[in-house]
Every structure is written in structure tokens, then in C-alpha cells.
Amino acid sequence: MYISEHDKMLIRQLIEKQLQAFQANDLATALSLTSPKIQDKFTSQEFSQIISNKYGALLKPRSVMFRGFTLVNNFPALITMMMDREGNLVQVIFIVQHQQDYSWRVHGYELAGINEKIV
């Protein structure tokens, strides 16, 4: 799947906005930036619990570096490197989905070790 430079910019802005919502502990906004399938599946509280339990590095990372784009199960994905509050490094892959209104929404997350190759 080809991702234009304009779409890459929009996806990065989406991810930055969601990370800002996580930083502000605004899980309702963070959830609103996800795909309709995720919004239909989880309440704000359930979403908060999943993020806290499985993807804690997203909540208040000390630093974030955007690494590039790939495909995950035929969905575009933005690869980031994050340092969590304890100083641990992890790759966080933001899987995104293009919507009918031409916007982008977060469709899922994957974690990988810092040396793990993302295919």
C-alpha cells in the first residue's frame, strides 16, 4: 500500500495528538482518535485499563522518536521508539486505518523489543 507524504504527515499528527491525550490523562480524547471498530468495542474505562496494562509506555513516555512506516496485516503503521518512565526502551507500532471521510484513525498497537525487526 502506498502512503503519500501528505498522509504520512496526517498520520504522524494523529499519533502526536493521541500521545498528548495520553499525557494529559484524557482517555476519552485518546479513544476518540481510534477507529470505529475500537470505539464500538471498548468503553473509555476499558480502553484505559487495556492501555495501562498492555501498553503502559504510551501513557507518559519520557521521549518519543518516530522511526518510519511499515505495513502490519495490510494496514499502514507508524513505528516509534519510546522510553518509558523507568528508562526502558520499546518500539511501539501504531497501526492506522483510513476512514471513509479520508481521515486516519488508530486501529491498534503492537509492542516490540528495540532490536526486533518489524516486517
Protein backbone atom coordinates (compact mmCIF):
# COMPACT_ATOMS: atom_id res chain seq x y z
CA MET A 1 0.00 0.00 0.00
CA TYR A 2 1.35 3.40 -0.99
CA ILE A 3 1.21 6.13 1.65
CA SER A 4 1.64 9.66 0.31
CA GLU A 5 3.82 12.19 2.11
CA HIS A 6 0.65 14.13 2.94
CA ASP A 7 -0.93 11.03 4.52
CA LYS A 8 2.28 10.33 6.45
CA MET A 9 2.09 13.85 7.87
CA LEU A 10 -1.59 13.35 8.82
CA ILE A 11 -0.82 10.01 10.48
CA ARG A 12 2.06 11.49 12.48
CA GLN A 13 -0.19 14.37 13.61
CA LEU A 14 -2.84 11.82 14.67
CA ILE A 15 -0.28 9.88 16.73
CA GLU A 16 1.08 13.08 18.29
CA LYS A 17 -2.45 14.15 19.22
CA GLN A 18 -3.18 10.78 20.80
CA LEU A 19 0.10 10.83 22.74
CA GLN A 20 -0.78 14.32 24.02
CA ALA A 21 -4.16 12.99 25.16
CA PHE A 22 -2.43 10.11 26.98
CA GLN A 23 -0.01 12.60 28.62
CA ALA A 24 -2.97 14.69 29.81
CA ASN A 25 -4.73 11.55 31.09
CA ASP A 26 -7.56 12.37 28.65
CA LEU A 27 -8.55 8.84 27.70
CA ALA A 28 -11.85 9.97 26.16
CA THR A 29 -9.95 12.02 23.57
CA ALA A 30 -7.42 9.23 23.06
CA LEU A 31 -10.26 6.79 22.41
CA SER A 32 -11.97 9.24 20.04
CA LEU A 33 -8.88 9.05 17.82
CA THR A 34 -9.27 5.31 17.30
CA SER A 35 -11.15 3.51 14.54
CA PRO A 36 -14.91 2.97 14.85
CA LYS A 37 -14.30 -0.74 15.47
CA ILE A 38 -12.21 0.02 18.57
CA GLN A 39 -14.65 2.68 19.77
CA ASP A 40 -17.53 0.22 19.44
CA LYS A 41 -15.60 -2.49 21.27
CA PHE A 42 -14.42 -0.58 24.36
CA THR A 43 -15.73 1.97 26.82
CA SER A 44 -13.33 4.74 27.91
CA GLN A 45 -12.68 2.86 31.15
CA GLU A 46 -11.98 -0.46 29.37
CA PHE A 47 -9.71 1.33 26.90
CA SER A 48 -7.86 2.97 29.80
CA GLN A 49 -7.34 -0.39 31.52
CA ILE A 50 -6.03 -2.03 28.35
CA ILE A 51 -3.62 0.81 27.64
CA SER A 52 -2.40 0.82 31.27
CA ASN A 53 -1.99 -2.95 31.45
CA LYS A 54 -0.63 -3.79 27.99
CA TYR A 55 0.76 -0.57 26.53
CA GLY A 56 1.93 1.42 29.54
CA ALA A 57 4.77 3.02 27.59
CA LEU A 58 2.13 5.07 25.73
CA LEU A 59 0.87 6.85 28.82
CA LYS A 60 3.69 9.19 29.77
CA PRO A 61 6.83 8.39 27.82
CA ARG A 62 9.97 10.32 28.66
CA SER A 63 10.80 10.54 24.98
CA VAL A 64 9.38 9.53 21.60
CA MET A 65 11.19 9.08 18.30
CA PHE A 66 9.33 8.48 15.05
CA ARG A 67 11.17 5.85 13.01
CA GLY A 68 9.19 5.29 9.83
CA PHE A 69 6.29 3.49 8.24
CA THR A 70 5.55 -0.16 7.50
CA LEU A 71 2.55 -2.42 6.94
CA VAL A 72 1.04 -4.64 9.63
CA ASN A 73 -1.61 -7.06 8.36
CA ASN A 74 -2.07 -4.79 5.31
CA PHE A 75 -2.67 -1.71 7.49
CA PRO A 76 -0.24 1.22 7.45
CA ALA A 77 1.70 1.54 10.68
CA LEU A 78 4.00 4.15 12.19
CA ILE A 79 6.96 2.74 14.10
CA THR A 80 8.08 4.71 17.14
CA MET A 81 10.78 4.23 19.73
CA MET A 82 9.73 5.22 23.23
CA MET A 83 11.46 5.49 26.55
CA ASP A 84 9.09 4.80 29.42
CA ARG A 85 9.19 6.47 32.84
CA GLU A 86 11.67 3.89 34.12
CA GLY A 87 14.08 4.44 31.23
CA ASN A 88 13.22 1.26 29.30
CA LEU A 89 13.22 1.45 25.51
CA VAL A 90 10.49 -0.18 23.46
CA GLN A 91 9.24 0.02 19.90
CA VAL A 92 5.56 0.94 19.74
CA ILE A 93 3.85 0.37 16.41
CA PHE A 94 0.72 2.44 15.81
CA ILE A 95 -1.49 0.65 13.29
CA VAL A 96 -3.80 3.06 11.49
CA GLN A 97 -6.87 2.75 9.31
CA HIS A 98 -8.06 5.08 6.55
CA GLN A 99 -11.68 6.14 7.09
CA GLN A 100 -14.45 6.80 4.57
CA ASP A 101 -14.18 10.53 5.29
CA TYR A 102 -10.48 10.32 4.26
CA SER A 103 -9.25 10.81 7.82
CA TRP A 104 -6.95 8.40 9.63
CA ARG A 105 -7.66 6.68 12.95
CA VAL A 106 -5.56 4.47 15.22
CA HIS A 107 -6.62 0.87 14.68
CA GLY A 108 -4.28 -0.90 17.09
CA TYR A 109 -0.90 -1.06 18.77
CA GLU A 110 1.94 -3.54 18.89
CA LEU A 111 5.00 -3.59 21.13
CA ALA A 112 8.36 -4.91 20.03
CA GLY A 113 11.83 -5.09 21.53
CA ILE A 114 14.27 -2.41 20.42
CA ASN A 115 16.23 -4.84 18.24
CA GLU A 116 13.19 -6.67 16.87
CA LYS A 117 12.76 -6.28 13.12
CA ILE A 118 9.33 -5.00 12.12
CA VAL A 119 8.11 -6.64 8.92
